[in-house]
C-alpha atoms as a PDB file:
ATOM      1  CA  UNK A   1     246.379  59.375  55.561  1.00  0.00           C
ATOM      2  CA  UNK A   2     247.916  57.935  58.644  1.00  0.00           C
ATOM      3  CA  UNK A   3     246.314  54.948  60.043  1.00  0.00           C
ATOM      4  CA  UNK A   4     248.585  53.377  62.421  1.00  0.00           C
ATOM      5  CA  UNK A   5     250.449  54.660  65.228  1.00  0.00           C
ATOM      6  CA  UNK A   6     254.438  54.455  65.460  1.00  0.00           C
ATOM      7  CA  UNK A   7     255.933  51.703  67.255  1.00  0.00           C
ATOM      8  CA  UNK A   8     256.868  54.135  70.472  1.00  0.00           C
ATOM      9  CA  UNK A   9     258.102  54.165  73.837  1.00  0.00           C
ATOM     10  CA  UNK A  10     256.841  56.714  76.157  1.00  0.00           C
ATOM     11  CA  UNK A  11     258.922  57.825  79.529  1.00  0.00           C
ATOM     12  CA  UNK A  12     257.760  59.791  82.408  1.00  0.00           C
ATOM     13  CA  UNK A  13     260.060  60.396  85.687  1.00  0.00           C
ATOM     14  CA  UNK A  14     259.075  56.792  87.189  1.00  0.00           C
ATOM     15  CA  UNK A  15     257.551  54.402  84.182  1.00  0.00           C
ATOM     16  CA  UNK A  16     258.465  53.627  80.897  1.00  0.00           C
ATOM     17  CA  UNK A  17     255.518  52.574  78.503  1.00  0.00           C
ATOM     18  CA  UNK A  18     256.801  50.096  76.030  1.00  0.00           C
ATOM     19  CA  UNK A  19     255.968  47.125  73.587  1.00  0.00           C
ATOM     20  CA  UNK A  20     255.080  44.155  74.940  1.00  0.00           C
ATOM     21  CA  UNK A  21     258.476  41.721  75.052  1.00  0.00           C
ATOM     22  CA  UNK A  22     258.929  37.800  75.752  1.00  0.00           C
ATOM     23  CA  UNK A  23     259.558  38.443  79.536  1.00  0.00           C
ATOM     24  CA  UNK A  24     256.538  40.215  80.498  1.00  0.00           C
ATOM     25  CA  UNK A  25     254.527  36.910  80.099  1.00  0.00           C
ATOM     26  CA  UNK A  26     254.930  35.372  83.219  1.00  0.00           C
ATOM     27  CA  UNK A  27     253.900  38.895  85.411  1.00  0.00           C
ATOM     28  CA  UNK A  28     251.376  39.681  82.626  1.00  0.00           C
ATOM     29  CA  UNK A  29     249.882  36.121  83.504  1.00  0.00           C
ATOM     30  CA  UNK A  30     249.774  37.147  87.334  1.00  0.00           C
ATOM     31  CA  UNK A  31     248.219  40.336  87.063  1.00  0.00           C
ATOM     32  CA  UNK A  32     245.544  39.627  84.959  1.00  0.00           C
ATOM     33  CA  UNK A  33     244.436  36.546  87.182  1.00  0.00           C
ATOM     34  CA  UNK A  34     243.994  39.632  90.008  1.00  0.00           C
ATOM     35  CA  UNK A  35     240.565  39.835  91.565  1.00  0.00           C
ATOM     36  CA  UNK A  36     240.033  43.182  90.598  1.00  0.00           C
ATOM     37  CA  UNK A  37     241.087  43.102  86.717  1.00  0.00           C
ATOM     38  CA  UNK A  38     238.912  40.072  86.499  1.00  0.00           C
ATOM     39  CA  UNK A  39     235.803  41.640  87.587  1.00  0.00           C
ATOM     40  CA  UNK A  40     236.064  44.783  85.884  1.00  0.00           C
ATOM     41  CA  UNK A  41     237.468  43.512  82.559  1.00  0.00           C
ATOM     42  CA  UNK A  42     236.603  40.834  80.120  1.00  0.00           C
ATOM     43  CA  UNK A  43     239.768  38.676  79.966  1.00  0.00           C
ATOM     44  CA  UNK A  44     239.478  34.721  80.089  1.00  0.00           C
ATOM     45  CA  UNK A  45     239.175  33.429  83.878  1.00  0.00           C
ATOM     46  CA  UNK A  46     241.494  31.963  84.713  1.00  0.00           C
ATOM     47  CA  UNK A  47     243.882  33.868  82.385  1.00  0.00           C
ATOM     48  CA  UNK A  48     246.624  31.376  81.545  1.00  0.00           C
ATOM     49  CA  UNK A  49     250.103  31.593  80.029  1.00  0.00           C
ATOM     50  CA  UNK A  50     248.836  30.673  77.090  1.00  0.00           C
ATOM     51  CA  UNK A  51     246.550  33.777  77.071  1.00  0.00           C
ATOM     52  CA  UNK A  52     249.782  35.949  77.697  1.00  0.00           C
ATOM     53  CA  UNK A  53     251.476  34.695  74.951  1.00  0.00           C
ATOM     54  CA  UNK A  54     248.928  35.388  72.506  1.00  0.00           C
ATOM     55  CA  UNK A  55     248.652  38.813  73.986  1.00  0.00           C
ATOM     56  CA  UNK A  56     252.343  39.320  73.722  1.00  0.00           C
ATOM     57  CA  UNK A  57     252.870  37.922  70.565  1.00  0.00           C
ATOM     58  CA  UNK A  58     249.603  38.275  68.447  1.00  0.00           C
ATOM     59  CA  UNK A  59     247.282  40.747  69.835  1.00  0.00           C
ATOM     60  CA  UNK A  60     248.857  43.451  71.221  1.00  0.00           C
ATOM     61  CA  UNK A  61     251.125  44.263  68.065  1.00  0.00           C
ATOM     62  CA  UNK A  62     248.561  43.528  65.810  1.00  0.00           C
ATOM     63  CA  UNK A  63     246.572  45.944  67.521  1.00  0.00           C
ATOM     64  CA  UNK A  64     248.879  48.578  65.989  1.00  0.00           C
ATOM     65  CA  UNK A  65     249.849  47.258  62.886  1.00  0.00           C
ATOM     66  CA  UNK A  66     246.320  46.711  61.731  1.00  0.00           C
ATOM     67  CA  UNK A  67     245.403  50.481  62.967  1.00  0.00           C
ATOM     68  CA  UNK A  68     242.893  49.478  65.423  1.00  0.00           C
ATOM     69  CA  UNK A  69     245.127  51.400  68.498  1.00  0.00           C
ATOM     70  CA  UNK A  70     248.363  50.709  70.540  1.00  0.00           C
ATOM     71  CA  UNK A  71     248.955  48.466  73.739  1.00  0.00           C
ATOM     72  CA  UNK A  72     252.154  49.163  75.521  1.00  0.00           C
ATOM     73  CA  UNK A  73     253.001  47.591  79.018  1.00  0.00           C
ATOM     74  CA  UNK A  74     253.390  50.189  81.988  1.00  0.00           C
ATOM     75  CA  UNK A  75     257.090  49.351  83.528  1.00  0.00           C
ATOM     76  CA  UNK A  76     258.822  51.168  86.314  1.00  0.00           C
ATOM     77  CA  UNK A  77     261.772  53.043  85.120  1.00  0.00           C
ATOM     78  CA  UNK A  78     264.239  51.534  88.059  1.00  0.00           C
ATOM     79  CA  UNK A  79     263.299  48.080  88.450  1.00  0.00           C
ATOM     80  CA  UNK A  80     261.872  47.444  84.804  1.00  0.00           C
ATOM     81  CA  UNK A  81     258.798  45.553  86.512  1.00  0.00           C
ATOM     82  CA  UNK A  82     255.484  45.441  85.139  1.00  0.00           C
ATOM     83  CA  UNK A  83     253.043  47.269  86.409  1.00  0.00           C
ATOM     84  CA  UNK A  84     250.096  47.974  83.969  1.00  0.00           C
ATOM     85  CA  UNK A  85     248.520  48.531  80.877  1.00  0.00           C
ATOM     86  CA  UNK A  86     247.970  50.949  78.737  1.00  0.00           C
ATOM     87  CA  UNK A  87     245.637  50.528  75.354  1.00  0.00           C
ATOM     88  CA  UNK A  88     244.342  52.735  73.003  1.00  0.00           C
ATOM     89  CA  UNK A  89     241.916  50.662  70.642  1.00  0.00           C
ATOM     90  CA  UNK A  90     238.389  51.619  68.283  1.00  0.00           C
ATOM     91  CA  UNK A  91     240.700  54.126  66.655  1.00  0.00           C
ATOM     92  CA  UNK A  92     238.732  56.489  64.235  1.00  0.00           C
ATOM     93  CA  UNK A  93     241.012  58.215  61.978  1.00  0.00           C
ATOM     94  CA  UNK A  94     238.890  60.014  59.820  1.00  0.00           C
ATOM     95  CA  UNK A  95     237.879  61.997  63.042  1.00  0.00           C
ATOM     96  CA  UNK A  96     241.015  61.239  64.770  1.00  0.00           C
ATOM     97  CA  UNK A  97     239.506  59.777  67.764  1.00  0.00           C
ATOM     98  CA  UNK A  98     240.089  56.925  70.217  1.00  0.00           C
ATOM     99  CA  UNK A  99     239.326  55.173  73.896  1.00  0.00           C
ATOM    100  CA  UNK A 100     241.901  54.345  76.353  1.00  0.00           C
ATOM    101  CA  UNK A 101     241.705  51.622  78.751  1.00  0.00           C
ATOM    102  CA  UNK A 102     244.267  50.643  81.338  1.00  0.00           C
ATOM    103  CA  UNK A 103     245.067  48.024  84.110  1.00  0.00           C
ATOM    104  CA  UNK A 104     247.189  48.161  87.359  1.00  0.00           C
ATOM    105  CA  UNK A 105     248.707  45.388  88.711  1.00  0.00           C
ATOM    106  CA  UNK A 106     247.954  44.531  92.413  1.00  0.00           C
ATOM    107  CA  UNK A 107     251.696  45.025  93.634  1.00  0.00           C
ATOM    108  CA  UNK A 108     251.750  48.557  91.958  1.00  0.00           C
ATOM    109  CA  UNK A 109     248.362  49.942  93.141  1.00  0.00           C
ATOM    110  CA  UNK A 110     248.201  53.408  95.224  1.00  0.00           C
ATOM    111  CA  UNK A 111     251.228  54.656  93.741  1.00  0.00           C
ATOM    112  CA  UNK A 112     249.539  56.850  90.954  1.00  0.00           C
ATOM    113  CA  UNK A 113     250.939  54.907  87.903  1.00  0.00           C
ATOM    114  CA  UNK A 114     247.695  54.630  86.138  1.00  0.00           C
ATOM    115  CA  UNK A 115     247.121  58.078  86.540  1.00  0.00           C
ATOM    116  CA  UNK A 116     250.898  59.281  85.332  1.00  0.00           C
ATOM    117  CA  UNK A 117     250.505  56.606  82.442  1.00  0.00           C
ATOM    118  CA  UNK A 118     247.300  57.460  80.873  1.00  0.00           C
ATOM    119  CA  UNK A 119     248.283  61.319  81.031  1.00  0.00           C
ATOM    120  CA  UNK A 120     251.559  60.361  79.086  1.00  0.00           C
ATOM    121  CA  UNK A 121     249.866  58.729  76.649  1.00  0.00           C
ATOM    122  CA  UNK A 122     247.353  61.447  76.111  1.00  0.00           C
ATOM    123  CA  UNK A 123     249.740  63.793  75.920  1.00  0.00           C
ATOM    124  CA  UNK A 124     251.554  61.809  73.175  1.00  0.00           C
ATOM    125  CA  UNK A 125     248.250  61.614  71.430  1.00  0.00           C
ATOM    126  CA  UNK A 126     247.473  65.120  71.454  1.00  0.00           C
ATOM    127  CA  UNK A 127     250.862  67.060  71.075  1.00  0.00           C
ATOM    128  CA  UNK A 128     252.301  64.162  68.839  1.00  0.00           C
ATOM    129  CA  UNK A 129     249.664  62.141  67.102  1.00  0.00           C
ATOM    130  CA  UNK A 130     247.578  65.477  66.991  1.00  0.00           C
ATOM    131  CA  UNK A 131     244.613  63.871  68.104  1.00  0.00           C
ATOM    132  CA  UNK A 132     241.232  65.482  68.663  1.00  0.00           C
ATOM    133  CA  UNK A 133     239.688  63.313  71.096  1.00  0.00           C
ATOM    134  CA  UNK A 134     240.571  60.654  73.925  1.00  0.00           C
ATOM    135  CA  UNK A 135     237.671  58.716  75.249  1.00  0.00           C
ATOM    136  CA  UNK A 136     237.165  56.525  78.397  1.00  0.00           C
ATOM    137  CA  UNK A 137     234.452  54.228  79.638  1.00  0.00           C
ATOM    138  CA  UNK A 138     234.396  53.306  83.122  1.00  0.00           C
ATOM    139  CA  UNK A 139     231.816  50.703  84.998  1.00  0.00           C
ATOM    140  CA  UNK A 140     229.494  52.537  87.290  1.00  0.00           C
ATOM    141  CA  UNK A 141     230.904  50.881  90.354  1.00  0.00           C
ATOM    142  CA  UNK A 142     234.543  51.252  89.305  1.00  0.00           C
ATOM    143  CA  UNK A 143     235.602  54.163  91.428  1.00  0.00           C
ATOM    144  CA  UNK A 144     238.929  53.612  91.185  1.00  0.00           C
ATOM    145  CA  UNK A 145     239.108  53.602  87.204  1.00  0.00           C
ATOM    146  CA  UNK A 146     236.791  56.790  87.592  1.00  0.00           C
ATOM    147  CA  UNK A 147     239.240  58.968  89.756  1.00  0.00           C
ATOM    148  CA  UNK A 148     241.848  58.376  87.278  1.00  0.00           C
ATOM    149  CA  UNK A 149     239.698  60.032  84.607  1.00  0.00           C
ATOM    150  CA  UNK A 150     238.772  62.711  86.828  1.00  0.00           C
ATOM    151  CA  UNK A 151     242.424  63.172  87.909  1.00  0.00           C
ATOM    152  CA  UNK A 152     243.952  63.771  84.133  1.00  0.00           C
ATOM    153  CA  UNK A 153     240.979  66.444  83.289  1.00  0.00           C
ATOM    154  CA  UNK A 154     238.430  64.036  81.275  1.00  0.00           C
ATOM    155  CA  UNK A 155     234.849  65.690  81.699  1.00  0.00           C
ATOM    156  CA  UNK A 156     232.209  62.881  82.352  1.00  0.00           C
ATOM    157  CA  UNK A 157     229.169  63.060  79.060  1.00  0.00           C
ATOM    158  CA  UNK A 158     226.876  60.629  80.326  1.00  0.00           C
ATOM    159  CA  UNK A 159     226.028  56.849  81.095  1.00  0.00           C
ATOM    160  CA  UNK A 160     225.463  54.044  78.905  1.00  0.00           C
ATOM    161  CA  UNK A 161     222.874  52.428  80.691  1.00  0.00           C
ATOM    162  CA  UNK A 162     223.095  48.483  81.121  1.00  0.00           C
ATOM    163  CA  UNK A 163     225.985  48.276  78.377  1.00  0.00           C
ATOM    164  CA  UNK A 164     228.897  46.371  80.099  1.00  0.00           C
ATOM    165  CA  UNK A 165     229.159  43.137  81.551  1.00  0.00           C
ATOM    166  CA  UNK A 166     231.135  42.857  84.486  1.00  0.00           C
ATOM    167  CA  UNK A 167     232.027  39.985  86.908  1.00  0.00           C
ATOM    168  CA  UNK A 168     231.235  39.183  90.805  1.00  0.00           C
ATOM    169  CA  UNK A 169     232.911  36.384  92.700  1.00  0.00           C
ATOM    170  CA  UNK A 170     230.385  33.522  94.304  1.00  0.00           C
ATOM    171  CA  UNK A 171     230.232  32.054  97.495  1.00  0.00           C
ATOM    172  CA  UNK A 172     231.935  29.003  96.048  1.00  0.00           C
ATOM    173  CA  UNK A 173     235.071  31.098  94.664  1.00  0.00           C
ATOM    174  CA  UNK A 174     233.820  31.310  91.133  1.00  0.00           C
ATOM    175  CA  UNK A 175     232.490  34.179  88.900  1.00  0.00           C
ATOM    176  CA  UNK A 176     229.000  35.069  87.999  1.00  0.00           C
ATOM    177  CA  UNK A 177     228.444  37.939  85.383  1.00  0.00           C
ATOM    178  CA  UNK A 178     226.141  40.946  86.233  1.00  0.00           C
ATOM    179  CA  UNK A 179     224.795  43.895  84.053  1.00  0.00           C
ATOM    180  CA  UNK A 180     226.172  47.291  84.621  1.00  0.00           C
ATOM    181  CA  UNK A 181     226.431  51.037  83.484  1.00  0.00           C
ATOM    182  CA  UNK A 182     229.367  52.559  82.040  1.00  0.00           C
ATOM    183  CA  UNK A 183     230.172  56.179  82.259  1.00  0.00           C
ATOM    184  CA  UNK A 184     231.623  57.780  79.214  1.00  0.00           C
ATOM    185  CA  UNK A 185     234.136  60.604  80.001  1.00  0.00           C
ATOM    186  CA  UNK A 186     236.190  62.106  77.115  1.00  0.00           C
ATOM    187  CA  UNK A 187     239.167  64.548  77.244  1.00  0.00           C
ATOM    188  CA  UNK A 188     240.373  67.291  74.551  1.00  0.00           C
ATOM    189  CA  UNK A 189     243.698  68.731  73.857  1.00  0.00           C
ATOM    190  CA  UNK A 190     242.304  71.749  75.641  1.00  0.00           C
ATOM    191  CA  UNK A 191     241.092  70.093  78.463  1.00  0.00           C
ATOM    192  CA  UNK A 192     245.273  68.828  79.429  1.00  0.00           C
ATOM    193  CA  UNK A 193     245.880  72.441  80.431  1.00  0.00           C
ATOM    194  CA  UNK A 194     246.988  73.017  83.734  1.00  0.00           C
ATOM    195  CA  UNK A 195     246.444  69.494  84.786  1.00  0.00           C
ATOM    196  CA  UNK A 196     250.134  68.371  84.666  1.00  0.00           C
ATOM    197  CA  UNK A 197     251.457  71.065  86.732  1.00  0.00           C
ATOM    198  CA  UNK A 198     248.272  70.482  89.338  1.00  0.00           C
ATOM    199  CA  UNK A 199     249.446  66.366  89.318  1.00  0.00           C
ATOM    200  CA  UNK A 200     252.967  67.657  89.435  1.00  0.00           C
ATOM    201  CA  UNK A 201     252.076  69.795  93.091  1.00  0.00           C
ATOM    202  CA  UNK A 202     249.910  66.564  94.103  1.00  0.00           C
ATOM    203  CA  UNK A 203     253.188  64.514  94.244  1.00  0.00           C
ATOM    204  CA  UNK A 204     252.642  62.759  90.518  1.00  0.00           C
ATOM    205  CA  UNK A 205     255.768  62.661  88.149  1.00  0.00           C
ATOM    206  CA  UNK A 206     255.447  64.474  85.342  1.00  0.00           C
ATOM    207  CA  UNK A 207     255.616  63.431  81.571  1.00  0.00           C
ATOM    208  CA  UNK A 208     259.034  63.941  80.192  1.00  0.00           C
ATOM    209  CA  UNK A 209     260.202  61.793  76.628  1.00  0.00           C
ATOM    210  CA  UNK A 210     259.093  60.033  73.925  1.00  0.00           C
ATOM    211  CA  UNK A 211     260.777  58.116  71.270  1.00  0.00           C
END
């Protein structure tokens, strides 16, 4: 039984999802120090160049080689600029189920890149890897992340109460941990039917290729 994802790049009309490279380290460092990323993820704060190097050189590659999932850099097709991350994690190879997480750089928000990249990953996951389920977990107050889930056709399954630690900025510029609920979303292969056409009508670039 296959227990690792292939070393793959996935393309849309506007984006390329590919393995991380050394050249991504400066932009990754900047992106992960953004206030919204700090608030809704568990990344170290401050996020240093050493943290970025560890992610690019060791953590991201081992996600795939050790069978936990796959972490891809999201880049613009024309400029090759890093605009985000899409990460499949907590993969169960027996049930063919995995969880997706995503981050969008502050300089790329408002372009629909998160929706486009997560949809491309889902199409590849279901159509090529023949998976049965993709799950998302979004903090209760992270409406932007919830909108991505809704746009790609995810179904809200319920709430995990008090299940996550988010961060809020304090008056002195520091960060304090706060408890929050997680909304659980799921996507099955049949949920994708019609979603691509609907997004195209709304102006989102469509999925095109993988290799």
